[in-house]
Amino acid sequence: MLRIKLVVGIFALILLGSLSVRADDAATTQPSKSEAREVSGKVPSPYSKLTLTDEQKSQIIDIHQKANAEVRATEKKEDADITALLTDDQKSQLKKMDDDRKAEQKAKRAEKKKANGDSSDKKDSQ
C-alpha cells in the first residue's frame, strides 16, 4: 500500500511539474502554432483540407477556439488543485525545477542564436 502511495505521489509531482511548465511557457513564450492559428482565425487541420463554406469555416473556428479555451481552463484548475496538495517544501522544489528549466531554455536559445549568427557571418565572408 505504501508503495502505491509513493508511486502515485511521484506521478503527481511529475504531472504538476509538466503542468506548471506549460502554464509558465504560455505566459512567457511566443504562441504555439495552434494558438497562432486561433489568433489568425484559420481552420485547423485536417478540416482545412476540405472544401468548406464560409459559414462552416466560421463555425469550425469558433468550436476549436472554445475547445482550446476549455482545455486551458481545465489544465489551470488541475494545476491549482494539485499545487494545493503539496507541502511548502515540495512547492519550493517544484519552483527550483521550473527555474532550472527556464535557465536551460534561455541558454539553449542564446546558443542557437549565436550559432545562427555565426553561420550568417560565414556566408558573408565567402
Protein backbone atom coordinates (compact mmCIF):
# COMPACT_ATOMS: atom_id res chain seq x y z
CA MET A 1 0.00 0.00 0.00
CA LEU A 2 2.86 2.37 0.85
CA ARG A 3 4.50 1.57 -2.48
CA ILE A 4 1.30 2.55 -4.34
CA LYS A 5 1.08 5.84 -2.44
CA LEU A 6 4.72 6.56 -3.24
CA VAL A 7 4.22 5.86 -6.96
CA VAL A 8 1.08 8.00 -7.05
CA GLY A 9 2.91 10.81 -5.24
CA ILE A 10 5.83 10.73 -7.67
CA PHE A 11 3.46 10.68 -10.63
CA ALA A 12 1.58 13.67 -9.20
CA LEU A 13 4.83 15.63 -8.84
CA ILE A 14 5.84 14.86 -12.41
CA LEU A 15 2.40 15.81 -13.67
CA LEU A 16 2.42 19.01 -11.65
CA GLY A 17 5.84 19.91 -12.95
CA SER A 18 4.79 19.45 -16.54
CA LEU A 19 1.61 21.45 -15.98
CA SER A 20 3.37 24.35 -14.32
CA VAL A 21 5.93 24.31 -17.11
CA ARG A 22 3.12 24.53 -19.62
CA ALA A 23 1.47 27.39 -17.74
CA ASP A 24 4.73 29.33 -17.48
CA ASP A 25 5.60 28.68 -21.12
CA ALA A 26 2.25 30.03 -22.21
CA ALA A 27 2.86 33.22 -20.27
CA THR A 28 6.47 33.82 -21.36
CA THR A 29 6.89 32.40 -24.86
CA GLN A 30 5.59 33.00 -28.32
CA PRO A 31 2.22 31.44 -29.09
CA SER A 32 2.33 27.86 -30.31
CA LYS A 33 1.28 27.01 -33.84
CA SER A 34 -2.21 26.05 -32.64
CA GLU A 35 -2.55 29.32 -30.71
CA ALA A 36 -1.29 31.30 -33.69
CA ARG A 37 -3.88 29.54 -35.80
CA GLU A 38 -6.58 30.61 -33.36
CA VAL A 39 -5.45 34.20 -33.44
CA SER A 40 -5.30 34.27 -37.22
CA GLY A 41 -8.69 32.54 -37.49
CA LYS A 42 -7.58 29.68 -39.70
CA VAL A 43 -9.41 26.40 -39.88
CA PRO A 44 -7.38 23.69 -38.10
CA SER A 45 -6.08 20.66 -39.95
CA PRO A 46 -7.45 18.24 -41.21
CA TYR A 47 -10.60 20.31 -41.76
CA SER A 48 -8.66 22.96 -43.65
CA LYS A 49 -8.09 20.41 -46.42
CA LEU A 50 -11.82 20.11 -47.05
CA THR A 51 -13.86 22.33 -49.32
CA LEU A 52 -15.89 24.24 -46.75
CA THR A 53 -18.38 27.08 -46.95
CA ASP A 54 -17.54 30.32 -45.17
CA GLU A 55 -20.21 29.51 -42.59
CA GLN A 56 -18.68 26.08 -41.92
CA LYS A 57 -15.22 27.62 -41.59
CA SER A 58 -16.51 30.19 -39.12
CA GLN A 59 -18.31 27.56 -37.05
CA ILE A 60 -15.28 25.24 -37.02
CA ILE A 61 -13.01 28.08 -35.89
CA ASP A 62 -15.45 29.01 -33.12
CA ILE A 63 -15.74 25.40 -31.91
CA HIS A 64 -11.97 24.95 -31.99
CA GLN A 65 -11.30 28.16 -30.06
CA LYS A 66 -13.91 27.28 -27.44
CA ALA A 67 -12.47 23.77 -27.02
CA ASN A 68 -8.93 25.13 -26.62
CA ALA A 69 -10.11 27.65 -24.02
CA GLU A 70 -11.82 24.84 -22.08
CA VAL A 71 -8.66 22.72 -22.19
CA ARG A 72 -6.55 25.61 -20.89
CA ALA A 73 -9.07 26.27 -18.10
CA THR A 74 -9.10 22.59 -17.13
CA GLU A 75 -5.29 22.44 -17.07
CA LYS A 76 -5.14 25.59 -14.95
CA LYS A 77 -7.66 24.16 -12.44
CA GLU A 78 -5.83 20.84 -12.34
CA ASP A 79 -2.55 22.65 -11.65
CA ALA A 80 -4.12 24.68 -8.84
CA ASP A 81 -5.77 21.60 -7.30
CA ILE A 82 -2.52 19.61 -7.34
CA THR A 83 -0.46 22.52 -6.05
CA ALA A 84 -2.86 22.81 -3.12
CA LEU A 85 -1.89 19.27 -2.10
CA LEU A 86 1.84 20.00 -1.94
CA THR A 87 3.82 20.95 1.12
CA ASP A 88 5.76 24.22 1.15
CA ASP A 89 8.99 22.25 0.65
CA GLN A 90 7.55 20.46 -2.38
CA LYS A 91 6.35 23.77 -3.80
CA SER A 92 9.82 25.27 -3.42
CA GLN A 93 11.40 22.17 -5.02
CA LEU A 94 8.97 22.49 -7.90
CA LYS A 95 9.81 26.18 -8.29
CA LYS A 96 13.53 25.38 -8.35
CA MET A 97 12.98 22.71 -11.03
CA ASP A 98 10.99 25.22 -13.06
CA ASP A 99 13.63 27.94 -12.63
CA ASP A 100 16.35 25.48 -13.71
CA ARG A 101 14.33 24.51 -16.77
CA LYS A 102 13.82 28.17 -17.72
CA ALA A 103 17.53 28.89 -17.34
CA GLU A 104 18.36 25.89 -19.52
CA GLN A 105 15.92 27.02 -22.20
CA LYS A 106 17.36 30.53 -22.13
CA ALA A 107 20.88 29.16 -22.55
CA LYS A 108 19.76 26.97 -25.46
CA ARG A 109 18.10 29.95 -27.16
CA ALA A 110 21.24 32.03 -26.71
CA GLU A 111 23.40 29.20 -28.08
CA LYS A 112 21.07 28.75 -31.05
CA LYS A 113 21.06 32.50 -31.72
CA LYS A 114 24.85 32.55 -31.56
CA ALA A 115 25.09 29.56 -33.91
CA ASN A 116 22.71 31.22 -36.37
CA GLY A 117 24.70 34.44 -36.16
CA ASP A 118 27.97 32.57 -36.74
CA SER A 119 26.60 30.79 -39.81
CA SER A 120 25.43 34.07 -41.33
CA ASP A 121 28.89 35.58 -40.71
CA LYS A 122 30.47 32.67 -42.56
CA LYS A 123 28.17 33.25 -45.54
CA ASP A 124 29.07 36.96 -45.58
CA SER A 125 32.79 36.25 -45.65
CA GLN A 126 32.54 33.97 -48.70
